Amino acid sequence: MRTYSIVFLDIDGTLLDSRHQVMPCTRNRLKYLHGRGVPIILCSARPPGGVNLVAGQVELHGPMACYNGG
């Protein structure tokens, strides 16, 4: 398996499926990485409130890039 030091994820069309949900296998992998101490940064053009909704689905509470990284 590869060693990751940090993971940046886009939300729409990458992390979320067409029903705006995070697939269970993706959620499990994110929990695994988080448990190993790998920072996971959610990135989106959404405002912080929109990113927080997704962060809640995957149980992440950390830094995020919002408003196209602004």
Protein backbone atom coordinates (compact mmCIF):
# COMPACT_ATOMS: atom_id res chain seq x y z
CA MET A 1 0.00 0.00 0.00
CA ARG A 2 1.13 3.55 -0.67
CA THR A 3 2.12 5.88 2.12
CA TYR A 4 0.25 9.19 2.15
CA SER A 5 1.28 12.24 4.14
CA ILE A 6 -1.84 14.31 3.31
CA VAL A 7 -4.96 13.93 1.16
CA PHE A 8 -6.82 16.77 -0.57
CA LEU A 9 -10.28 15.93 -1.90
CA ASP A 10 -12.64 17.85 -4.12
CA ILE A 11 -16.25 17.34 -3.05
CA ASP A 12 -18.68 17.63 -5.97
CA GLY A 13 -18.15 14.96 -8.61
CA THR A 14 -15.25 13.40 -6.71
CA LEU A 15 -16.10 12.62 -3.09
CA LEU A 16 -19.88 12.75 -3.59
CA ASP A 17 -21.74 10.48 -5.99
CA SER A 18 -24.61 11.57 -8.26
CA ARG A 19 -27.01 11.39 -5.27
CA HIS A 20 -24.76 13.72 -3.25
CA GLN A 21 -23.74 10.90 -0.92
CA VAL A 22 -20.36 9.50 0.09
CA MET A 23 -20.11 5.83 -0.84
CA PRO A 24 -19.57 3.50 2.15
CA CYS A 25 -16.28 2.17 0.76
CA THR A 26 -14.99 5.73 0.42
CA ARG A 27 -16.14 6.60 3.94
CA ASN A 28 -14.33 3.52 5.30
CA ARG A 29 -11.10 4.40 3.50
CA LEU A 30 -11.21 7.97 4.81
CA LYS A 31 -11.73 6.68 8.37
CA TYR A 32 -8.78 4.34 7.90
CA LEU A 33 -6.51 7.14 6.69
CA HIS A 34 -7.69 9.49 9.41
CA GLY A 35 -7.04 6.78 12.02
CA ARG A 36 -3.47 6.48 10.74
CA GLY A 37 -2.95 10.22 11.26
CA VAL A 38 -3.19 11.28 7.61
CA PRO A 39 -4.72 14.78 7.37
CA ILE A 40 -7.69 14.89 4.98
CA ILE A 41 -8.52 18.31 3.56
CA LEU A 42 -11.87 18.86 1.84
CA CYS A 43 -11.74 21.37 -1.03
CA SER A 44 -14.70 23.01 -2.71
CA ALA A 45 -16.15 26.11 -4.28
CA ARG A 46 -18.88 25.77 -1.65
CA PRO A 47 -19.06 28.08 1.36
CA PRO A 48 -17.89 26.68 4.72
CA GLY A 49 -21.42 25.63 5.75
CA GLY A 50 -21.74 23.47 2.66
CA VAL A 51 -18.37 21.84 3.23
CA ASN A 52 -19.26 21.20 6.88
CA LEU A 53 -22.33 19.22 5.78
CA VAL A 54 -20.13 16.89 3.79
CA ALA A 55 -17.48 16.76 6.52
CA GLY A 56 -20.19 15.53 8.88
CA GLN A 57 -21.02 12.65 6.52
CA VAL A 58 -17.43 11.41 6.67
CA GLU A 59 -16.81 12.45 10.29
CA LEU A 60 -13.96 14.83 9.51
CA HIS A 61 -13.25 17.89 11.61
CA GLY A 62 -10.23 19.68 10.27
CA PRO A 63 -8.99 22.26 7.82
CA MET A 64 -10.86 22.81 4.56
CA ALA A 65 -10.52 24.94 1.46
CA CYS A 66 -13.71 26.83 0.60
CA TYR A 67 -14.85 29.38 -1.97
CA ASN A 68 -12.51 27.95 -4.65
CA GLY A 69 -9.66 28.05 -2.17
CA GLY A 70 -10.22 31.73 -1.40
